[in-house]
PDB file of N, CA and C in Angstrom:
ATOM      1  N   MET A   1     -10.484  -1.637   1.570  1.00  0.00           N
ATOM      2  CA  MET A   1     -11.429  -2.667   2.619  1.00  0.00           C
ATOM      3  C   MET A   1      -9.996  -3.316   2.525  1.00  0.00           C
ATOM      4  N   ARG A   2      -9.812  -3.924   4.152  1.00  0.00           N
ATOM      5  CA  ARG A   2      -8.622  -4.992   4.704  1.00  0.00           C
ATOM      6  C   ARG A   2      -9.408  -5.781   5.381  1.00  0.00           C
ATOM      7  N   VAL A   3      -8.601  -7.350   4.975  1.00  0.00           N
ATOM      8  CA  VAL A   3      -9.175  -8.514   5.769  1.00  0.00           C
ATOM      9  C   VAL A   3      -7.932  -9.446   6.206  1.00  0.00           C
ATOM     10  N   ALA A   4      -7.545  -9.192   7.730  1.00  0.00           N
ATOM     11  CA  ALA A   4      -6.834  -9.896   8.013  1.00  0.00           C
ATOM     12  C   ALA A   4      -7.212 -11.175   9.038  1.00  0.00           C
ATOM     13  N   ASN A   5      -5.913 -11.861   9.407  1.00  0.00           N
ATOM     14  CA  ASN A   5      -5.744 -12.913  10.493  1.00  0.00           C
ATOM     15  C   ASN A   5      -4.627 -13.042  11.382  1.00  0.00           C
ATOM     16  N   HIS A   6      -5.030 -13.345  12.695  1.00  0.00           N
ATOM     17  CA  HIS A   6      -3.700 -13.399  13.538  1.00  0.00           C
ATOM     18  C   HIS A   6      -3.935 -15.130  13.583  1.00  0.00           C
ATOM     19  N   LEU A   7      -2.455 -15.798  13.399  1.00  0.00           N
ATOM     20  CA  LEU A   7      -1.838 -17.338  13.789  1.00  0.00           C
ATOM     21  C   LEU A   7      -1.081 -17.465  14.557  1.00  0.00           C
ATOM     22  N   ASP A   8      -1.469 -17.840  15.667  1.00  0.00           N
ATOM     23  CA  ASP A   8      -0.284 -18.102  16.419  1.00  0.00           C
ATOM     24  C   ASP A   8       0.453 -19.461  16.728  1.00  0.00           C
ATOM     25  N   PHE A   9       1.770 -19.381  16.531  1.00  0.00           N
ATOM     26  CA  PHE A   9       2.551 -21.024  16.741  1.00  0.00           C
ATOM     27  C   PHE A   9       3.348 -20.751  17.627  1.00  0.00           C
ATOM     28  N   ALA A  10       3.976 -22.024  17.576  1.00  0.00           N
ATOM     29  CA  ALA A  10       5.139 -21.939  18.776  1.00  0.00           C
ATOM     30  C   ALA A  10       6.009 -20.801  18.807  1.00  0.00           C
ATOM     31  N   GLY A  11       6.016 -19.961  20.099  1.00  0.00           N
ATOM     32  CA  GLY A  11       6.814 -19.066  19.861  1.00  0.00           C
ATOM     33  C   GLY A  11       7.039 -17.562  18.728  1.00  0.00           C
ATOM     34  N   TRP A  12       6.152 -18.333  17.920  1.00  0.00           N
ATOM     35  CA  TRP A  12       6.389 -16.920  16.797  1.00  0.00           C
ATOM     36  C   TRP A  12       4.246 -16.602  16.379  1.00  0.00           C
ATOM     37  N   LYS A  13       4.102 -15.530  15.300  1.00  0.00           N
ATOM     38  CA  LYS A  13       2.784 -15.282  14.973  1.00  0.00           C
ATOM     39  C   LYS A  13       2.811 -14.891  13.760  1.00  0.00           C
ATOM     40  N   LEU A  14       1.967 -15.131  13.095  1.00  0.00           N
ATOM     41  CA  LEU A  14       1.720 -14.592  12.052  1.00  0.00           C
ATOM     42  C   LEU A  14       0.202 -13.729  11.052  1.00  0.00           C
ATOM     43  N   GLU A  15       0.957 -13.068  10.261  1.00  0.00           N
ATOM     44  CA  GLU A  15      -0.598 -12.046  10.610  1.00  0.00           C
ATOM     45  C   GLU A  15      -0.595 -11.982   8.829  1.00  0.00           C
ATOM     46  N   PRO A  16      -1.453 -12.249   8.315  1.00  0.00           N
ATOM     47  CA  PRO A  16      -1.503 -12.518   6.642  1.00  0.00           C
ATOM     48  C   PRO A  16      -2.716 -11.540   6.522  1.00  0.00           C
ATOM     49  N   TYR A  17      -2.900 -10.604   5.711  1.00  0.00           N
ATOM     50  CA  TYR A  17      -3.821  -9.887   5.130  1.00  0.00           C
ATOM     51  C   TYR A  17      -3.826  -9.814   3.446  1.00  0.00           C
ATOM     52  N   ALA A  18      -5.186  -9.172   3.167  1.00  0.00           N
ATOM     53  CA  ALA A  18      -5.673  -8.721   1.946  1.00  0.00           C
ATOM     54  C   ALA A  18      -5.977  -7.310   1.986  1.00  0.00           C
ATOM     55  N   GLU A  19      -5.835  -6.700   0.860  1.00  0.00           N
ATOM     56  CA  GLU A  19      -6.826  -5.342   0.935  1.00  0.00           C
ATOM     57  C   GLU A  19      -6.997  -5.071  -0.640  1.00  0.00           C
ATOM     58  N   LEU A  20      -8.678  -4.609  -0.801  1.00  0.00           N
ATOM     59  CA  LEU A  20      -8.716  -4.000  -2.126  1.00  0.00           C
ATOM     60  C   LEU A  20      -9.258  -2.206  -1.626  1.00  0.00           C
ATOM     61  N   ASN A  21      -8.387  -1.773  -2.562  1.00  0.00           N
ATOM     62  CA  ASN A  21      -8.875  -0.034  -2.358  1.00  0.00           C
ATOM     63  C   ASN A  21      -8.910   0.420  -3.690  1.00  0.00           C
ATOM     64  N   GLY A  22      -9.988   1.415  -3.871  1.00  0.00           N
ATOM     65  CA  GLY A  22     -10.533   2.265  -5.448  1.00  0.00           C
ATOM     66  C   GLY A  22     -10.197   3.590  -5.106  1.00  0.00           C
ATOM     67  N   ILE A  23      -9.514   4.173  -5.749  1.00  0.00           N
ATOM     68  CA  ILE A  23      -9.789   5.941  -5.770  1.00  0.00           C
ATOM     69  C   ILE A  23     -10.512   6.744  -7.028  1.00  0.00           C
ATOM     70  N   THR A  24     -11.151   7.328  -6.704  1.00  0.00           N
ATOM     71  CA  THR A  24     -11.195   8.255  -8.174  1.00  0.00           C
ATOM     72  C   THR A  24     -11.091   9.975  -8.139  1.00  0.00           C
ATOM     73  N   THR A  25     -11.025  10.861  -9.277  1.00  0.00           N
ATOM     74  CA  THR A  25     -10.751  11.876  -9.398  1.00  0.00           C
ATOM     75  C   THR A  25     -11.815  12.615  -9.784  1.00  0.00           C
ATOM     76  N   ARG A  26     -12.618  13.868  -9.231  1.00  0.00           N
ATOM     77  CA  ARG A  26     -13.339  14.098 -10.298  1.00  0.00           C
ATOM     78  C   ARG A  26     -13.079  15.814 -10.352  1.00  0.00           C
ATOM     79  N   THR A  27     -11.794  16.458 -10.864  1.00  0.00           N
ATOM     80  CA  THR A  27     -11.497  17.978 -11.375  1.00  0.00           C
ATOM     81  C   THR A  27     -11.416  17.578 -12.487  1.00  0.00           C
ATOM     82  N   ASN A  28     -11.601  18.412 -12.771  1.00  0.00           N
ATOM     83  CA  ASN A  28     -10.828  19.256 -14.648  1.00  0.00           C
ATOM     84  C   ASN A  28      -9.331  19.564 -14.633  1.00  0.00           C
ATOM     85  N   GLN A  29      -9.032  20.467 -13.551  1.00  0.00           N
ATOM     86  CA  GLN A  29      -8.110  21.074 -12.983  1.00  0.00           C
ATOM     87  C   GLN A  29      -6.596  20.221 -12.571  1.00  0.00           C
ATOM     88  N   ASN A  30      -5.525  20.143 -13.257  1.00  0.00           N
ATOM     89  CA  ASN A  30      -4.536  19.113 -12.052  1.00  0.00           C
ATOM     90  C   ASN A  30      -3.404  20.424 -12.054  1.00  0.00           C
ATOM     91  N   ALA A  31      -3.869  21.256 -11.517  1.00  0.00           N
ATOM     92  CA  ALA A  31      -2.495  22.429 -11.151  1.00  0.00           C
ATOM     93  C   ALA A  31      -2.518  22.368  -9.701  1.00  0.00           C
ATOM     94  N   VAL A  32      -1.347  22.511  -9.116  1.00  0.00           N
ATOM     95  CA  VAL A  32      -1.074  22.438  -7.782  1.00  0.00           C
ATOM     96  C   VAL A  32      -0.328  23.587  -7.447  1.00  0.00           C
ATOM     97  N   ARG A  33      -1.168  24.264  -6.420  1.00  0.00           N
ATOM     98  CA  ARG A  33       0.491  25.836  -6.295  1.00  0.00           C
ATOM     99  C   ARG A  33       0.994  25.656  -5.099  1.00  0.00           C
ATOM    100  N   VAL A  34       2.278  25.957  -5.156  1.00  0.00           N
ATOM    101  CA  VAL A  34       2.801  25.795  -3.877  1.00  0.00           C
ATOM    102  C   VAL A  34       3.611  27.198  -3.560  1.00  0.00           C
ATOM    103  N   ASN A  35       3.116  27.897  -2.825  1.00  0.00           N
ATOM    104  CA  ASN A  35       3.648  29.172  -2.357  1.00  0.00           C
ATOM    105  C   ASN A  35       3.330  30.099  -3.636  1.00  0.00           C
ATOM    106  N   GLN A  36       4.361  30.666  -4.508  1.00  0.00           N
ATOM    107  CA  GLN A  36       3.906  31.503  -5.773  1.00  0.00           C
ATOM    108  C   GLN A  36       4.411  30.727  -7.115  1.00  0.00           C
ATOM    109  N   TYR A  37       4.602  29.449  -6.931  1.00  0.00           N
ATOM    110  CA  TYR A  37       4.745  28.218  -8.085  1.00  0.00           C
ATOM    111  C   TYR A  37       3.410  27.572  -8.267  1.00  0.00           C
ATOM    112  N   SER A  38       3.248  27.389  -9.657  1.00  0.00           N
ATOM    113  CA  SER A  38       2.137  26.260 -10.130  1.00  0.00           C
ATOM    114  C   SER A  38       2.687  24.986 -10.708  1.00  0.00           C
ATOM    115  N   PHE A  39       2.264  23.529 -10.483  1.00  0.00           N
ATOM    116  CA  PHE A  39       2.763  22.924 -11.116  1.00  0.00           C
ATOM    117  C   PHE A  39       1.622  21.574 -11.332  1.00  0.00           C
ATOM    118  N   ASP A  40       1.901  21.624 -12.344  1.00  0.00           N
ATOM    119  CA  ASP A  40       0.770  20.657 -13.660  1.00  0.00           C
ATOM    120  C   ASP A  40       1.093  19.248 -13.028  1.00  0.00           C
ATOM    121  N   VAL A  41       0.210  18.587 -12.453  1.00  0.00           N
ATOM    122  CA  VAL A  41       0.474  17.009 -11.934  1.00  0.00           C
ATOM    123  C   VAL A  41      -0.277  16.093 -12.745  1.00  0.00           C
ATOM    124  N   ALA A  42       0.288  15.144 -13.091  1.00  0.00           N
ATOM    125  CA  ALA A  42      -0.282  14.360 -13.786  1.00  0.00           C
ATOM    126  C   ALA A  42      -1.116  13.383 -13.266  1.00  0.00           C
ATOM    127  N   GLU A  43      -2.868  13.551 -13.891  1.00  0.00           N
ATOM    128  CA  GLU A  43      -3.808  12.665 -13.278  1.00  0.00           C
ATOM    129  C   GLU A  43      -3.654  11.330 -13.514  1.00  0.00           C
ATOM    130  N   THR A  44      -4.003  10.660 -12.672  1.00  0.00           N
ATOM    131  CA  THR A  44      -4.519   9.252 -12.787  1.00  0.00           C
ATOM    132  C   THR A  44      -5.739   8.830 -13.087  1.00  0.00           C
ATOM    133  N   LYS A  45      -6.419   9.822 -12.781  1.00  0.00           N
ATOM    134  CA  LYS A  45      -7.871   9.666 -13.011  1.00  0.00           C
ATOM    135  C   LYS A  45      -8.765   8.439 -11.966  1.00  0.00           C
ATOM    136  N   GLY A  46      -8.202   7.397 -11.994  1.00  0.00           N
ATOM    137  CA  GLY A  46      -9.006   6.556 -10.954  1.00  0.00           C
ATOM    138  C   GLY A  46      -8.163   5.115 -10.863  1.00  0.00           C
ATOM    139  N   ARG A  47      -8.169   4.121  -9.425  1.00  0.00           N
ATOM    140  CA  ARG A  47      -7.240   3.206  -9.738  1.00  0.00           C
ATOM    141  C   ARG A  47      -7.594   2.011  -9.260  1.00  0.00           C
ATOM    142  N   ILE A  48      -7.781   0.829  -9.095  1.00  0.00           N
ATOM    143  CA  ILE A  48      -8.274  -0.081  -8.048  1.00  0.00           C
ATOM    144  C   ILE A  48      -7.022  -0.240  -7.513  1.00  0.00           C
ATOM    145  N   GLU A  49      -6.883  -0.684  -6.212  1.00  0.00           N
ATOM    146  CA  GLU A  49      -5.364  -1.488  -6.215  1.00  0.00           C
ATOM    147  C   GLU A  49      -5.482  -2.729  -5.017  1.00  0.00           C
ATOM    148  N   SER A  50      -5.135  -3.981  -5.219  1.00  0.00           N
ATOM    149  CA  SER A  50      -5.017  -5.189  -4.789  1.00  0.00           C
ATOM    150  C   SER A  50      -3.892  -5.083  -4.017  1.00  0.00           C
ATOM    151  N   THR A  51      -3.502  -5.724  -2.450  1.00  0.00           N
ATOM    152  CA  THR A  51      -2.733  -6.145  -2.108  1.00  0.00           C
ATOM    153  C   THR A  51      -2.762  -7.612  -0.972  1.00  0.00           C
ATOM    154  N   ILE A  52      -1.541  -8.109  -1.131  1.00  0.00           N
ATOM    155  CA  ILE A  52      -1.625  -9.059  -0.250  1.00  0.00           C
ATOM    156  C   ILE A  52      -0.495  -9.469   0.657  1.00  0.00           C
ATOM    157  N   GLY A  53      -0.486  -9.671   1.671  1.00  0.00           N
ATOM    158  CA  GLY A  53       0.843  -9.556   2.458  1.00  0.00           C
ATOM    159  C   GLY A  53       0.769 -10.380   3.947  1.00  0.00           C
ATOM    160  N   ALA A  54       2.079 -10.312   4.566  1.00  0.00           N
ATOM    161  CA  ALA A  54       2.345 -11.313   5.562  1.00  0.00           C
ATOM    162  C   ALA A  54       3.134 -10.638   6.718  1.00  0.00           C
ATOM    163  N   ASN A  55       2.758 -10.510   7.852  1.00  0.00           N
ATOM    164  CA  ASN A  55       3.752  -9.721   8.753  1.00  0.00           C
ATOM    165  C   ASN A  55       4.068 -11.197   9.658  1.00  0.00           C
ATOM    166  N   ALA A  56       5.004 -11.514   9.936  1.00  0.00           N
ATOM    167  CA  ALA A  56       5.909 -12.925  10.870  1.00  0.00           C
ATOM    168  C   ALA A  56       6.181 -11.820  12.144  1.00  0.00           C
ATOM    169  N   VAL A  57       5.934 -12.263  13.615  1.00  0.00           N
ATOM    170  CA  VAL A  57       6.708 -11.566  14.926  1.00  0.00           C
ATOM    171  C   VAL A  57       7.011 -12.772  15.597  1.00  0.00           C
ATOM    172  N   VAL A  58       8.224 -12.510  15.673  1.00  0.00           N
ATOM    173  CA  VAL A  58       8.788 -13.314  16.700  1.00  0.00           C
ATOM    174  C   VAL A  58       9.934 -12.544  17.924  1.00  0.00           C
ATOM    175  N   GLY A  59       9.073 -12.337  19.095  1.00  0.00           N
ATOM    176  CA  GLY A  59       9.774 -11.517  20.385  1.00  0.00           C
ATOM    177  C   GLY A  59       9.801 -10.290  19.682  1.00  0.00           C
ATOM    178  N   ASN A  60      10.664  -9.382  19.575  1.00  0.00           N
ATOM    179  CA  ASN A  60      10.678  -8.140  19.205  1.00  0.00           C
ATOM    180  C   ASN A  60      10.691  -7.934  18.155  1.00  0.00           C
ATOM    181  N   HIS A  61      11.197  -8.355  17.099  1.00  0.00           N
ATOM    182  CA  HIS A  61      11.280  -8.588  15.885  1.00  0.00           C
ATOM    183  C   HIS A  61      10.071  -8.764  14.984  1.00  0.00           C
ATOM    184  N   ARG A  62       9.769  -7.769  13.735  1.00  0.00           N
ATOM    185  CA  ARG A  62       8.701  -7.903  12.730  1.00  0.00           C
ATOM    186  C   ARG A  62       9.049  -8.343  11.468  1.00  0.00           C
ATOM    187  N   ILE A  63       8.892  -8.877  11.008  1.00  0.00           N
ATOM    188  CA  ILE A  63       9.347  -8.988   9.744  1.00  0.00           C
ATOM    189  C   ILE A  63       7.889  -8.789   8.440  1.00  0.00           C
ATOM    190  N   GLY A  64       7.989  -8.020   7.433  1.00  0.00           N
ATOM    191  CA  GLY A  64       6.581  -7.696   6.872  1.00  0.00           C
ATOM    192  C   GLY A  64       6.809  -8.346   5.430  1.00  0.00           C
ATOM    193  N   LEU A  65       6.335  -8.984   4.266  1.00  0.00           N
ATOM    194  CA  LEU A  65       6.340  -8.776   2.749  1.00  0.00           C
ATOM    195  C   LEU A  65       4.870  -8.737   2.263  1.00  0.00           C
ATOM    196  N   GLU A  66       5.205  -7.351   1.419  1.00  0.00           N
ATOM    197  CA  GLU A  66       3.542  -6.858   1.188  1.00  0.00           C
ATOM    198  C   GLU A  66       3.885  -6.729  -0.799  1.00  0.00           C
ATOM    199  N   ALA A  67       2.545  -7.189  -1.343  1.00  0.00           N
ATOM    200  CA  ALA A  67       2.866  -7.320  -2.786  1.00  0.00           C
ATOM    201  C   ALA A  67       1.788  -6.296  -3.195  1.00  0.00           C
ATOM    202  N   SER A  68       1.630  -5.652  -4.007  1.00  0.00           N
ATOM    203  CA  SER A  68       0.816  -4.986  -4.461  1.00  0.00           C
ATOM    204  C   SER A  68       0.451  -4.646  -6.192  1.00  0.00           C
ATOM    205  N   LEU A  69      -0.872  -4.623  -6.319  1.00  0.00           N
ATOM    206  CA  LEU A  69      -1.131  -4.284  -7.942  1.00  0.00           C
ATOM    207  C   LEU A  69      -2.022  -3.339  -8.376  1.00  0.00           C
ATOM    208  N   ALA A  70      -1.781  -2.348  -8.862  1.00  0.00           N
ATOM    209  CA  ALA A  70      -2.907  -1.244  -9.239  1.00  0.00           C
ATOM    210  C   ALA A  70      -3.095  -1.609 -10.588  1.00  0.00           C
ATOM    211  N   ASN A  71      -4.496  -1.330 -10.628  1.00  0.00           N
ATOM    212  CA  ASN A  71      -4.869  -1.209 -12.135  1.00  0.00           C
ATOM    213  C   ASN A  71      -5.645   0.347 -12.785  1.00  0.00           C
ATOM    214  N   GLY A  72      -5.150   0.917 -13.347  1.00  0.00           N
ATOM    215  CA  GLY A  72      -5.606   2.281 -13.195  1.00  0.00           C
ATOM    216  C   GLY A  72      -5.377   2.919 -15.446  1.00  0.00           C
ATOM    217  N   LYS A  73      -5.742   3.610 -15.645  1.00  0.00           N
ATOM    218  CA  LYS A  73      -5.419   4.145 -17.208  1.00  0.00           C
ATOM    219  C   LYS A  73      -4.117   4.628 -17.312  1.00  0.00           C
ATOM    220  N   TYR A  74      -3.778   5.490 -16.438  1.00  0.00           N
ATOM    221  CA  TYR A  74      -2.341   6.532 -16.755  1.00  0.00           C
ATOM    222  C   TYR A  74      -1.555   5.874 -15.472  1.00  0.00           C
ATOM    223  N   LEU A  75      -1.223   5.032 -15.163  1.00  0.00           N
ATOM    224  CA  LEU A  75       0.030   4.341 -13.947  1.00  0.00           C
ATOM    225  C   LEU A  75       1.439   4.070 -14.545  1.00  0.00           C
ATOM    226  N   ASP A  76       2.313   4.600 -14.275  1.00  0.00           N
ATOM    227  CA  ASP A  76       3.896   4.307 -14.443  1.00  0.00           C
ATOM    228  C   ASP A  76       4.194   2.952 -13.975  1.00  0.00           C
ATOM    229  N   GLN A  77       3.729   2.681 -12.744  1.00  0.00           N
ATOM    230  CA  GLN A  77       4.187   1.593 -11.901  1.00  0.00           C
ATOM    231  C   GLN A  77       3.293   0.636 -11.221  1.00  0.00           C
ATOM    232  N   PRO A  78       2.464  -0.161 -11.750  1.00  0.00           N
ATOM    233  CA  PRO A  78       1.544  -0.992 -11.721  1.00  0.00           C
ATOM    234  C   PRO A  78       1.786  -1.719 -10.064  1.00  0.00           C
ATOM    235  N   TYR A  79       2.931  -2.175 -10.300  1.00  0.00           N
ATOM    236  CA  TYR A  79       3.355  -3.086  -9.163  1.00  0.00           C
ATOM    237  C   TYR A  79       4.526  -2.850  -8.546  1.00  0.00           C
ATOM    238  N   LYS A  80       3.864  -3.297  -7.095  1.00  0.00           N
ATOM    239  CA  LYS A  80       4.903  -2.832  -6.081  1.00  0.00           C
ATOM    240  C   LYS A  80       4.805  -3.985  -4.973  1.00  0.00           C
ATOM    241  N   VAL A  81       6.156  -4.139  -4.438  1.00  0.00           N
ATOM    242  CA  VAL A  81       6.766  -5.194  -3.565  1.00  0.00           C
ATOM    243  C   VAL A  81       7.721  -4.521  -2.357  1.00  0.00           C
ATOM    244  N   GLN A  82       7.296  -4.718  -1.204  1.00  0.00           N
ATOM    245  CA  GLN A  82       7.567  -4.184   0.213  1.00  0.00           C
ATOM    246  C   GLN A  82       8.214  -5.646   0.754  1.00  0.00           C
ATOM    247  N   LEU A  83       9.380  -4.968   1.712  1.00  0.00           N
ATOM    248  CA  LEU A  83      10.057  -5.603   2.833  1.00  0.00           C
ATOM    249  C   LEU A  83      10.279  -4.827   3.509  1.00  0.00           C
ATOM    250  N   ALA A  84       9.810  -5.316   4.775  1.00  0.00           N
ATOM    251  CA  ALA A  84      10.106  -4.376   6.109  1.00  0.00           C
ATOM    252  C   ALA A  84      10.284  -4.935   7.559  1.00  0.00           C
ATOM    253  N   TYR A  85      10.794  -4.313   8.110  1.00  0.00           N
ATOM    254  CA  TYR A  85      11.825  -5.092   9.257  1.00  0.00           C
ATOM    255  C   TYR A  85      11.497  -3.587  10.558  1.00  0.00           C
ATOM    256  N   ARG A  86      11.432  -4.366  11.404  1.00  0.00           N
ATOM    257  CA  ARG A  86      10.604  -3.635  12.639  1.00  0.00           C
ATOM    258  C   ARG A  86      11.339  -4.300  13.829  1.00  0.00           C
ATOM    259  N   TYR A  87      12.331  -3.603  14.809  1.00  0.00           N
ATOM    260  CA  TYR A  87      12.355  -3.728  16.077  1.00  0.00           C
ATOM    261  C   TYR A  87      11.849  -3.011  17.141  1.00  0.00           C
ATOM    262  N   HIS A  88      11.176  -3.714  17.787  1.00  0.00           N
ATOM    263  CA  HIS A  88      10.836  -2.776  19.043  1.00  0.00           C
ATOM    264  C   HIS A  88      11.102  -3.093  20.746  1.00  0.00           C
ATOM    265  N   TRP A  89      11.893  -2.593  21.120  1.00  0.00           N
ATOM    266  CA  TRP A  89      12.365  -2.446  22.289  1.00  0.00           C
ATOM    267  C   TRP A  89      11.368  -1.557  23.527  1.00  0.00           C
TER     268      TRP A  89
END
């Protein structure tokens, strides 16, 4: 689920948002086949991920910052920070 807002300022816009996502797997087999090869994939069983972020828009430029936290039993990297820049012409 994502909740967002749109704020207009003098010459630029701010778009803050928050997300909450959940996923679970219901399988006993964690093998993936690609062509004739079989790979064992580590299962995460399930996780809940929460995210907050904001995009700032000035003219043709968009800058975004996002931070995420994932909670699950078998996660290797529960934290994520992402910085993005986009130019639209």
